[in-house]
Protein backbone atom coordinates (compact mmCIF):
# COMPACT_ATOMS: atom_id res chain seq x y z
CA MET A 1 0.00 0.00 0.00
CA LEU A 2 2.78 2.41 0.87
CA LEU A 3 5.14 1.42 -1.95
CA PRO A 4 3.00 2.76 -4.83
CA LEU A 5 2.63 6.03 -2.97
CA LEU A 6 6.39 6.32 -2.54
CA LEU A 7 7.08 5.44 -6.18
CA ASN A 8 4.53 7.97 -7.40
CA PHE A 9 6.01 10.64 -5.16
CA PHE A 10 9.57 10.12 -6.38
CA TYR A 11 8.49 9.84 -10.00
CA ARG A 12 6.52 13.11 -9.88
CA TYR A 13 9.16 15.10 -8.06
CA SER A 14 12.40 13.70 -9.43
CA VAL A 15 12.97 16.74 -11.67
CA LEU A 16 12.02 20.00 -10.06
CA ASP A 17 12.56 23.31 -11.81
CA GLN A 18 10.30 25.81 -10.05
CA PRO A 19 10.43 26.96 -6.42
CA THR A 20 6.75 26.10 -5.88
CA GLN A 21 7.39 22.54 -7.01
CA ILE A 22 10.31 22.28 -4.60
CA PHE A 23 8.17 23.65 -1.77
CA ARG A 24 5.35 21.22 -2.62
CA ALA A 25 7.78 18.30 -2.79
CA ARG A 26 9.20 19.14 0.64
CA TYR A 27 5.68 19.39 2.07
CA TYR A 28 4.67 16.01 0.62
CA PHE A 29 7.89 14.42 1.77
CA GLN A 30 7.35 15.67 5.34
CA LEU A 31 3.76 14.50 5.25
CA LEU A 32 4.83 11.08 4.03
CA HIS A 33 7.48 10.92 6.72
CA HIS A 34 4.90 11.67 9.44
CA ILE A 35 2.56 9.00 8.04
CA ILE A 36 5.32 6.39 8.05
CA VAL A 37 6.40 7.29 11.59
CA HIS A 38 2.80 7.20 12.81
CA LEU A 39 2.19 3.80 11.21
CA PHE A 40 5.38 2.39 12.71
CA TYR A 41 4.72 3.65 16.23
CA SER A 42 1.05 2.73 16.23
CA GLU A 43 2.08 -0.86 15.51
CA THR A 44 4.88 -1.05 18.07
CA SER A 45 4.17 1.45 20.83
CA MET A 46 2.10 -0.83 23.05
CA ASN A 47 4.88 -3.40 23.20
CA THR A 48 7.99 -1.23 23.44
CA THR A 49 8.28 -1.71 27.20
CA ALA A 50 7.74 -5.45 26.90
CA ILE A 51 10.28 -5.63 24.08
CA THR A 52 12.81 -3.65 26.12
CA LEU A 53 12.21 -5.91 29.11
CA GLN A 54 12.76 -9.02 26.97
CA ALA A 55 15.95 -7.52 25.52
CA LEU A 56 17.28 -6.84 29.02
CA PHE A 57 16.36 -10.37 30.04
CA ASN A 58 18.31 -11.78 27.09
CA ARG A 59 21.39 -9.69 27.95
CA ILE A 60 21.84 -11.10 31.46
CA PRO A 61 25.24 -12.83 31.65
CA ARG A 62 25.67 -16.12 33.52
CA ARG A 63 29.41 -16.31 34.17
CA HIS A 64 31.47 -14.12 36.48
CA SER A 65 34.01 -11.82 34.83
CA LEU A 66 34.88 -8.16 35.14
CA GLU A 67 33.05 -7.34 31.89
CA ASN A 68 29.97 -9.30 32.97
CA VAL A 69 29.88 -7.50 36.33
CA LYS A 70 29.90 -4.15 34.50
CA GLU A 71 27.22 -5.45 32.12
CA ILE A 72 24.95 -6.67 34.90
CA TYR A 73 25.26 -3.33 36.71
CA SER A 74 24.19 -1.52 33.53
CA ILE A 75 21.29 -3.99 33.15
CA LEU A 76 20.25 -3.34 36.76
CA THR A 77 20.23 0.42 36.13
CA GLU A 78 18.16 0.03 32.95
CA TYR A 79 15.83 -2.41 34.73
CA GLU A 80 15.28 0.09 37.54
CA ASP A 81 14.42 2.81 34.99
CA LEU A 82 12.02 0.41 33.31
CA LEU A 83 10.37 -0.42 36.63
CA ILE A 84 9.81 3.29 37.25
CA THR A 85 8.27 3.62 33.79
CA ILE A 86 5.96 0.63 34.32
CA GLU A 87 4.98 1.83 37.78
CA ALA A 88 3.74 5.10 36.26
CA VAL A 89 1.40 3.39 33.74
CA ASN A 90 -1.61 3.04 36.04
CA ALA A 91 -2.74 2.22 39.59
CA PHE A 92 -2.56 -1.57 39.02
CA TYR A 93 1.15 -1.43 38.22
CA GLU A 94 1.80 1.19 40.88
CA LYS A 95 0.48 -1.30 43.43
CA ASN A 96 2.24 -4.39 42.05
CA ILE A 97 5.69 -3.11 41.05
CA PRO A 98 7.33 -2.20 44.43
CA ILE A 99 8.26 -5.84 45.17
CA TYR A 100 10.53 -5.78 42.11
CA PHE A 101 12.50 -2.86 43.54
CA ASP A 102 13.18 -4.96 46.65
CA GLU A 103 14.33 -7.87 44.49
CA LEU A 104 16.52 -5.47 42.53
CA GLU A 105 18.30 -4.36 45.71
CA ASP A 106 18.82 -7.99 46.74
CA VAL A 107 20.41 -8.74 43.37
CA ARG A 108 22.66 -5.68 43.68
CA ALA A 109 23.83 -6.85 47.10
CA ILE A 110 24.62 -10.35 45.81
CA ILE A 111 26.51 -9.01 42.79
CA LYS A 112 28.47 -6.68 45.07
CA LYS A 113 29.46 -9.66 47.23
CA SER A 114 30.67 -11.45 44.09
CA THR A 115 33.25 -8.71 43.54
CA ASP A 116 34.83 -9.08 46.98
CA ASN A 117 38.61 -9.54 46.61
CA LYS A 118 38.72 -11.85 49.64
CA ALA A 119 36.29 -14.34 48.11
CA SER A 120 37.55 -17.35 46.17
CA LYS A 121 36.91 -17.72 42.44
CA LYS A 122 34.41 -20.50 43.12
CA MET A 123 32.54 -18.36 45.65
CA LYS A 124 32.51 -15.38 43.25
CA ASP A 125 31.13 -17.59 40.46
CA GLY A 126 28.46 -18.99 42.77
CA LEU A 127 27.37 -15.56 44.00
CA PHE A 128 27.30 -14.09 40.49
CA ASP A 129 25.31 -17.06 39.24
CA GLU A 130 22.86 -16.66 42.13
CA GLY A 131 22.50 -12.93 41.48
CA SER A 132 21.98 -13.30 37.74
CA GLY A 133 19.54 -16.16 38.33
CA ASN A 134 17.55 -14.07 40.80
CA LEU A 135 17.49 -11.21 38.29
CA LYS A 136 16.22 -13.52 35.56
CA ASP A 137 13.52 -14.86 37.88
CA SER A 138 12.47 -11.34 38.84
CA MET A 139 12.30 -10.20 35.22
CA GLN A 140 10.35 -13.30 34.20
CA LYS A 141 7.78 -12.63 36.93
CA LEU A 142 7.56 -9.00 35.83
CA MET A 143 7.02 -10.02 32.19
CA ASP A 144 4.19 -12.28 33.33
CA VAL A 145 2.58 -9.49 35.38
CA TYR A 146 3.17 -6.74 32.82
CA GLY A 147 2.17 -8.70 29.71
CA ASP A 148 1.40 -6.07 27.09
CA GLY A 149 0.87 -3.25 29.60
CA SER A 150 -2.90 -3.25 29.41
CA GLN A 151 -3.82 -4.63 32.84
CA THR A 152 -5.93 -2.36 34.98
CA ALA A 153 -7.29 -4.46 37.84
């Protein structure tokens, strides 16, 4: 449906010789751009939070390393921002989201313990695995509660 419109537009305005034609072409191009953007966002806007949550879930590392510790801290920060966003959607989420902030703090504490220099490599691996597992569990529960973001009661 959109392709014929685009082809017609570029065919009609490929050679422009008068200022009014250039002005009209710019106007139509901007209009077309707004239509495309509107169509894209109307299809995806209700699931952007769910998609972001799934992407964070897929990024969670399982093995302890310096890079993975940095990655999980960035995931925790993004997850906290996402929780704040979800909490602001409506009263249902405002009531049901605070438990995830508590779980988030527990995961942060476990990950912090996994970076202790006095701990053995095996202990660090175990703590990091526990922390990342708890984070995955928390995110999975949130994805089940959030769904597509349309719950109200």
